[in-house]
Amino acid sequence: MQINDDLGGHAGFHAEKDGLKRAGLAASDYISVDDSGARHQGRNGYVTQIGNEWFAWFSITDSKSRVNFLELLRAGHQDYILTEAALDYIAAESTFKPVTPRYEPAFCHPSRVAEVLV
C-alpha cells in the first residue's frame, strides 16, 4: 500500500503541513527563514524553510520572488500589513518603489504588495 493512500492523497498531507505552519507561526516568539535554489530537469526550483527549534516547514516553488515569500509566510491569509517600521525600511532601501500608505498601518491587497515589492 502506498503512503499516499494512507494519507488520503496529497490534499490531506498538504492540509496537515499548512496547519503545522499556521500553528508554529502563531505559537512562536520568533522564526528563522531560509531559501535555496537548484536546477532539476532543466528547470529552476526553490525550497523555502520557515521555523525555529520547535517546528520546521518547507515548501518547493518555481519562484524566489519577494511576493512568493510573503505568500508562503502569510500561511493562507490574503492580507498584508505594512507597519510604520516596514514602511521606514522600504523608504530606506533603494530597491523598493516609493510607498504612500493610505492608512497606518497600511492594509494591502496582494496585488498592491506586488507593486511595492519588485
N, C-alpha and C. Protein backbone atom coordinates (compact mmCIF):
# COMPACT_ATOMS: atom_id res chain seq x y z
N MET A 1 0.84 -1.18 0.00
CA MET A 1 0.00 0.00 0.00
C MET A 1 0.89 1.25 0.00
N GLN A 2 0.52 2.22 -0.77
CA GLN A 2 1.27 3.46 -0.86
C GLN A 2 0.98 4.37 0.34
N ILE A 3 1.98 5.16 0.72
CA ILE A 3 1.79 6.12 1.81
C ILE A 3 0.70 7.11 1.44
N ASN A 4 0.64 7.51 0.16
CA ASN A 4 -0.39 8.43 -0.30
C ASN A 4 -1.79 7.91 0.04
N ASP A 5 -1.99 6.62 -0.15
CA ASP A 5 -3.29 6.03 0.15
C ASP A 5 -3.62 6.17 1.63
N ASP A 6 -2.61 5.99 2.49
CA ASP A 6 -2.83 6.12 3.93
C ASP A 6 -3.16 7.55 4.33
N LEU A 7 -2.58 8.50 3.64
CA LEU A 7 -2.79 9.91 3.97
C LEU A 7 -4.01 10.49 3.28
N GLY A 8 -4.66 9.73 2.45
CA GLY A 8 -5.81 10.24 1.72
C GLY A 8 -5.40 11.08 0.52
N GLY A 9 -4.26 10.79 -0.06
CA GLY A 9 -3.75 11.56 -1.19
C GLY A 9 -2.96 12.76 -0.73
N HIS A 10 -2.59 13.59 -1.68
CA HIS A 10 -1.75 14.75 -1.37
C HIS A 10 -2.50 15.83 -0.60
N ALA A 11 -3.78 15.97 -0.81
CA ALA A 11 -4.55 17.05 -0.18
C ALA A 11 -4.49 16.97 1.34
N GLY A 12 -4.64 15.79 1.89
CA GLY A 12 -4.57 15.64 3.34
C GLY A 12 -3.20 15.97 3.89
N PHE A 13 -2.18 15.55 3.18
CA PHE A 13 -0.81 15.86 3.60
C PHE A 13 -0.57 17.36 3.60
N HIS A 14 -0.96 18.03 2.52
CA HIS A 14 -0.74 19.47 2.42
C HIS A 14 -1.55 20.25 3.45
N ALA A 15 -2.75 19.80 3.73
CA ALA A 15 -3.57 20.46 4.76
C ALA A 15 -2.91 20.33 6.13
N GLU A 16 -2.39 19.15 6.44
CA GLU A 16 -1.70 18.96 7.72
C GLU A 16 -0.43 19.80 7.77
N LYS A 17 0.32 19.83 6.67
CA LYS A 17 1.56 20.61 6.61
C LYS A 17 1.26 22.10 6.80
N ASP A 18 0.22 22.61 6.15
CA ASP A 18 -0.14 24.03 6.28
C ASP A 18 -0.66 24.35 7.67
N GLY A 19 -1.37 23.40 8.28
CA GLY A 19 -1.81 23.59 9.66
C GLY A 19 -0.65 23.66 10.62
N LEU A 20 0.37 22.86 10.37
CA LEU A 20 1.58 22.91 11.19
C LEU A 20 2.24 24.28 11.10
N LYS A 21 2.31 24.83 9.88
CA LYS A 21 2.92 26.16 9.72
C LYS A 21 2.11 27.22 10.46
N ARG A 22 0.80 27.21 10.30
CA ARG A 22 -0.04 28.21 10.99
C ARG A 22 0.12 28.11 12.50
N ALA A 23 0.10 26.89 13.03
CA ALA A 23 0.25 26.70 14.48
C ALA A 23 1.64 27.13 14.94
N GLY A 24 2.66 26.76 14.18
CA GLY A 24 4.02 27.15 14.53
C GLY A 24 4.22 28.65 14.53
N LEU A 25 3.67 29.34 13.53
CA LEU A 25 3.79 30.79 13.46
C LEU A 25 3.02 31.46 14.61
N ALA A 26 1.85 30.94 14.92
CA ALA A 26 1.03 31.53 15.99
C ALA A 26 1.67 31.34 17.36
N ALA A 27 2.36 30.24 17.57
CA ALA A 27 2.91 29.93 18.89
C ALA A 27 4.35 30.42 19.09
N SER A 28 4.96 30.94 18.05
CA SER A 28 6.39 31.28 18.12
C SER A 28 6.63 32.75 18.41
N ASP A 29 7.62 33.00 19.26
CA ASP A 29 8.06 34.37 19.51
C ASP A 29 8.95 34.87 18.37
N TYR A 30 9.59 33.95 17.68
CA TYR A 30 10.46 34.30 16.56
C TYR A 30 10.53 33.12 15.61
N ILE A 31 10.93 33.40 14.40
CA ILE A 31 11.16 32.35 13.41
C ILE A 31 12.43 32.69 12.64
N SER A 32 12.97 31.69 11.99
CA SER A 32 14.04 31.91 11.02
C SER A 32 13.53 31.41 9.68
N VAL A 33 14.06 32.00 8.63
CA VAL A 33 13.68 31.58 7.28
C VAL A 33 14.94 31.43 6.44
N ASP A 34 14.87 30.58 5.47
CA ASP A 34 15.99 30.40 4.56
C ASP A 34 15.43 29.85 3.26
N ASP A 35 16.12 30.13 2.18
CA ASP A 35 15.73 29.53 0.91
C ASP A 35 16.97 29.15 0.13
N SER A 36 16.77 28.25 -0.78
CA SER A 36 17.86 27.76 -1.60
C SER A 36 17.29 27.36 -2.95
N GLY A 37 18.11 27.45 -3.97
CA GLY A 37 17.66 27.11 -5.31
C GLY A 37 18.50 26.00 -5.92
N ALA A 38 17.91 25.30 -6.88
CA ALA A 38 18.62 24.25 -7.60
C ALA A 38 17.90 24.01 -8.92
N ARG A 39 18.62 23.47 -9.88
CA ARG A 39 18.02 23.09 -11.15
C ARG A 39 17.68 21.60 -11.12
N HIS A 40 16.52 21.28 -11.65
CA HIS A 40 16.10 19.88 -11.75
C HIS A 40 15.41 19.72 -13.09
N GLN A 41 15.87 18.77 -13.87
CA GLN A 41 15.32 18.50 -15.20
C GLN A 41 15.23 19.78 -16.03
N GLY A 42 16.28 20.62 -15.95
CA GLY A 42 16.36 21.83 -16.75
C GLY A 42 15.51 22.99 -16.27
N ARG A 43 14.93 22.90 -15.09
CA ARG A 43 14.09 23.98 -14.55
C ARG A 43 14.61 24.41 -13.20
N ASN A 44 14.54 25.72 -12.93
CA ASN A 44 14.92 26.23 -11.63
C ASN A 44 13.82 25.92 -10.62
N GLY A 45 14.21 25.57 -9.42
CA GLY A 45 13.27 25.34 -8.33
C GLY A 45 13.85 25.90 -7.06
N TYR A 46 12.99 26.22 -6.11
CA TYR A 46 13.43 26.85 -4.87
C TYR A 46 12.73 26.19 -3.69
N VAL A 47 13.49 25.97 -2.63
CA VAL A 47 12.91 25.45 -1.40
C VAL A 47 13.03 26.54 -0.34
N THR A 48 11.95 26.77 0.38
CA THR A 48 11.91 27.76 1.46
C THR A 48 11.64 27.02 2.76
N GLN A 49 12.42 27.35 3.78
CA GLN A 49 12.26 26.77 5.12
C GLN A 49 11.82 27.88 6.06
N ILE A 50 10.80 27.62 6.85
CA ILE A 50 10.33 28.53 7.89
C ILE A 50 10.25 27.73 9.18
N GLY A 51 10.78 28.25 10.27
CA GLY A 51 10.69 27.51 11.53
C GLY A 51 11.58 28.06 12.62
N ASN A 52 11.74 27.28 13.64
CA ASN A 52 12.64 27.55 14.76
C ASN A 52 12.96 26.19 15.40
N GLU A 53 13.38 26.18 16.66
CA GLU A 53 13.74 24.89 17.25
C GLU A 53 12.51 24.01 17.55
N TRP A 54 11.30 24.57 17.45
CA TRP A 54 10.09 23.81 17.77
C TRP A 54 9.35 23.28 16.56
N PHE A 55 9.53 23.90 15.40
CA PHE A 55 8.86 23.40 14.20
C PHE A 55 9.67 23.76 12.96
N ALA A 56 9.49 22.99 11.92
CA ALA A 56 10.13 23.26 10.64
C ALA A 56 9.11 23.01 9.53
N TRP A 57 9.03 23.94 8.61
CA TRP A 57 8.10 23.84 7.49
C TRP A 57 8.87 24.12 6.21
N PHE A 58 8.61 23.36 5.17
CA PHE A 58 9.32 23.50 3.90
C PHE A 58 8.32 23.58 2.76
N SER A 59 8.69 24.35 1.73
CA SER A 59 7.88 24.42 0.52
C SER A 59 8.80 24.52 -0.69
N ILE A 60 8.40 23.86 -1.75
CA ILE A 60 9.14 23.93 -3.01
C ILE A 60 8.27 24.68 -4.02
N THR A 61 8.85 25.73 -4.62
CA THR A 61 8.11 26.54 -5.59
C THR A 61 8.99 26.82 -6.81
N ASP A 62 8.39 27.41 -7.82
CA ASP A 62 9.11 27.80 -9.03
C ASP A 62 9.62 29.23 -8.96
N SER A 63 9.36 29.93 -7.85
CA SER A 63 9.70 31.35 -7.75
C SER A 63 10.44 31.65 -6.45
N LYS A 64 11.35 32.61 -6.53
CA LYS A 64 12.06 33.08 -5.34
C LYS A 64 11.78 34.56 -5.13
N SER A 65 10.66 35.04 -5.63
CA SER A 65 10.33 36.46 -5.54
C SER A 65 9.92 36.83 -4.12
N ARG A 66 9.96 38.10 -3.84
CA ARG A 66 9.52 38.59 -2.52
C ARG A 66 8.03 38.31 -2.30
N VAL A 67 7.24 38.47 -3.35
CA VAL A 67 5.81 38.21 -3.23
C VAL A 67 5.58 36.73 -2.93
N ASN A 68 6.29 35.84 -3.60
CA ASN A 68 6.17 34.41 -3.33
C ASN A 68 6.52 34.12 -1.87
N PHE A 69 7.60 34.72 -1.37
CA PHE A 69 7.99 34.51 0.02
C PHE A 69 6.88 34.98 0.97
N LEU A 70 6.31 36.15 0.71
CA LEU A 70 5.23 36.64 1.58
C LEU A 70 4.01 35.73 1.53
N GLU A 71 3.71 35.20 0.35
CA GLU A 71 2.58 34.27 0.25
C GLU A 71 2.83 33.04 1.10
N LEU A 72 4.07 32.54 1.10
CA LEU A 72 4.39 31.38 1.94
C LEU A 72 4.30 31.74 3.42
N LEU A 73 4.82 32.90 3.78
CA LEU A 73 4.85 33.31 5.18
C LEU A 73 3.46 33.63 5.73
N ARG A 74 2.57 34.12 4.92
CA ARG A 74 1.23 34.52 5.38
C ARG A 74 0.32 33.33 5.67
N ALA A 75 0.75 32.13 5.35
CA ALA A 75 0.04 30.90 5.73
C ALA A 75 -1.43 30.90 5.31
N GLY A 76 -1.68 31.30 4.06
CA GLY A 76 -3.05 31.24 3.54
C GLY A 76 -3.83 32.52 3.68
N HIS A 77 -3.37 33.47 4.49
CA HIS A 77 -4.06 34.76 4.61
C HIS A 77 -3.79 35.57 3.35
N GLN A 78 -4.76 36.37 2.93
CA GLN A 78 -4.62 37.15 1.71
C GLN A 78 -4.41 38.64 1.97
N ASP A 79 -4.17 39.03 3.22
CA ASP A 79 -3.92 40.43 3.52
C ASP A 79 -2.47 40.62 3.94
N TYR A 80 -2.01 41.82 3.84
CA TYR A 80 -0.65 42.15 4.25
C TYR A 80 -0.72 43.43 5.06
N ILE A 81 0.08 43.52 6.09
CA ILE A 81 0.10 44.71 6.93
C ILE A 81 1.49 45.30 6.86
N LEU A 82 1.56 46.54 6.38
CA LEU A 82 2.83 47.25 6.35
C LEU A 82 2.83 48.22 7.52
N THR A 83 3.59 47.88 8.56
CA THR A 83 3.66 48.72 9.74
C THR A 83 4.55 49.93 9.47
N GLU A 84 4.58 50.85 10.41
CA GLU A 84 5.44 52.03 10.26
C GLU A 84 6.91 51.62 10.10
N ALA A 85 7.33 50.62 10.87
CA ALA A 85 8.72 50.14 10.77
C ALA A 85 8.98 49.57 9.38
N ALA A 86 8.02 48.83 8.83
CA ALA A 86 8.18 48.27 7.49
C ALA A 86 8.25 49.38 6.45
N LEU A 87 7.38 50.38 6.59
CA LEU A 87 7.39 51.49 5.64
C LEU A 87 8.70 52.28 5.72
N ASP A 88 9.24 52.46 6.94
CA ASP A 88 10.53 53.13 7.09
C ASP A 88 11.63 52.33 6.40
N TYR A 89 11.60 51.00 6.56
CA TYR A 89 12.60 50.14 5.92
C TYR A 89 12.50 50.24 4.40
N ILE A 90 11.28 50.19 3.90
CA ILE A 90 11.08 50.29 2.45
C ILE A 90 11.59 51.63 1.93
N ALA A 91 11.31 52.72 2.67
CA ALA A 91 11.77 54.04 2.26
C ALA A 91 13.29 54.13 2.24
N ALA A 92 13.96 53.43 3.16
CA ALA A 92 15.42 53.49 3.26
C ALA A 92 16.12 52.64 2.19
N GLU A 93 15.43 51.65 1.65
CA GLU A 93 16.03 50.76 0.67
C GLU A 93 15.78 51.26 -0.74
N SER A 94 16.81 51.34 -1.53
CA SER A 94 16.67 51.85 -2.89
C SER A 94 16.05 50.83 -3.84
N THR A 95 15.92 49.57 -3.42
CA THR A 95 15.38 48.54 -4.31
C THR A 95 13.85 48.54 -4.35
N PHE A 96 13.21 49.30 -3.48
CA PHE A 96 11.76 49.34 -3.44
C PHE A 96 11.24 50.59 -4.13
N LYS A 97 10.06 50.48 -4.72
CA LYS A 97 9.38 51.65 -5.26
C LYS A 97 8.89 52.49 -4.08
N PRO A 98 8.72 53.80 -4.27
CA PRO A 98 8.17 54.63 -3.19
C PRO A 98 6.77 54.15 -2.78
N VAL A 99 6.48 54.23 -1.49
CA VAL A 99 5.19 53.79 -0.95
C VAL A 99 4.50 54.96 -0.28
N THR A 100 3.24 55.18 -0.62
CA THR A 100 2.45 56.19 0.05
C THR A 100 1.24 55.50 0.64
N PRO A 101 1.29 55.12 1.92
CA PRO A 101 0.17 54.39 2.50
C PRO A 101 -1.04 55.30 2.73
N ARG A 102 -2.21 54.72 2.60
CA ARG A 102 -3.43 55.46 2.88
C ARG A 102 -3.83 55.35 4.35
N TYR A 103 -3.37 54.31 4.98
CA TYR A 103 -3.72 54.05 6.37
C TYR A 103 -2.45 53.71 7.13
N GLU A 104 -2.47 53.87 8.43
CA GLU A 104 -1.35 53.43 9.28
C GLU A 104 -1.90 52.42 10.27
N PRO A 105 -1.45 51.21 10.30
CA PRO A 105 -0.59 50.59 9.29
C PRO A 105 -1.35 50.38 7.99
N ALA A 106 -0.64 50.23 6.91
CA ALA A 106 -1.26 50.08 5.60
C ALA A 106 -1.70 48.63 5.40
N PHE A 107 -2.99 48.43 5.22
CA PHE A 107 -3.51 47.11 4.92
C PHE A 107 -3.54 46.97 3.41
N CYS A 108 -2.87 45.99 2.90
CA CYS A 108 -2.69 45.89 1.45
C CYS A 108 -3.26 44.61 0.89
N HIS A 109 -3.85 44.72 -0.25
CA HIS A 109 -4.25 43.57 -1.05
C HIS A 109 -2.99 42.99 -1.68
N PRO A 110 -2.93 41.69 -1.93
CA PRO A 110 -1.72 41.10 -2.52
C PRO A 110 -1.25 41.80 -3.79
N SER A 111 -2.17 42.29 -4.62
CA SER A 111 -1.75 42.97 -5.84
C SER A 111 -1.02 44.27 -5.53
N ARG A 112 -1.40 44.94 -4.45
CA ARG A 112 -0.72 46.18 -4.05
C ARG A 112 0.69 45.86 -3.52
N VAL A 113 0.83 44.78 -2.79
CA VAL A 113 2.15 44.39 -2.29
C VAL A 113 3.06 44.07 -3.45
N ALA A 114 2.54 43.42 -4.48
CA ALA A 114 3.35 43.10 -5.66
C ALA A 114 3.87 44.37 -6.32
N GLU A 115 3.10 45.46 -6.29
CA GLU A 115 3.55 46.72 -6.86
C GLU A 115 4.72 47.29 -6.07
N VAL A 116 4.71 47.11 -4.76
CA VAL A 116 5.72 47.69 -3.89
C VAL A 116 6.99 46.83 -3.89
N LEU A 117 6.85 45.52 -3.83
CA LEU A 117 7.99 44.63 -3.67
C LEU A 117 8.44 44.07 -5.01
N VAL A 118 9.08 44.90 -5.80
CA VAL A 118 9.59 44.44 -7.10
C VAL A 118 10.98 43.86 -6.95
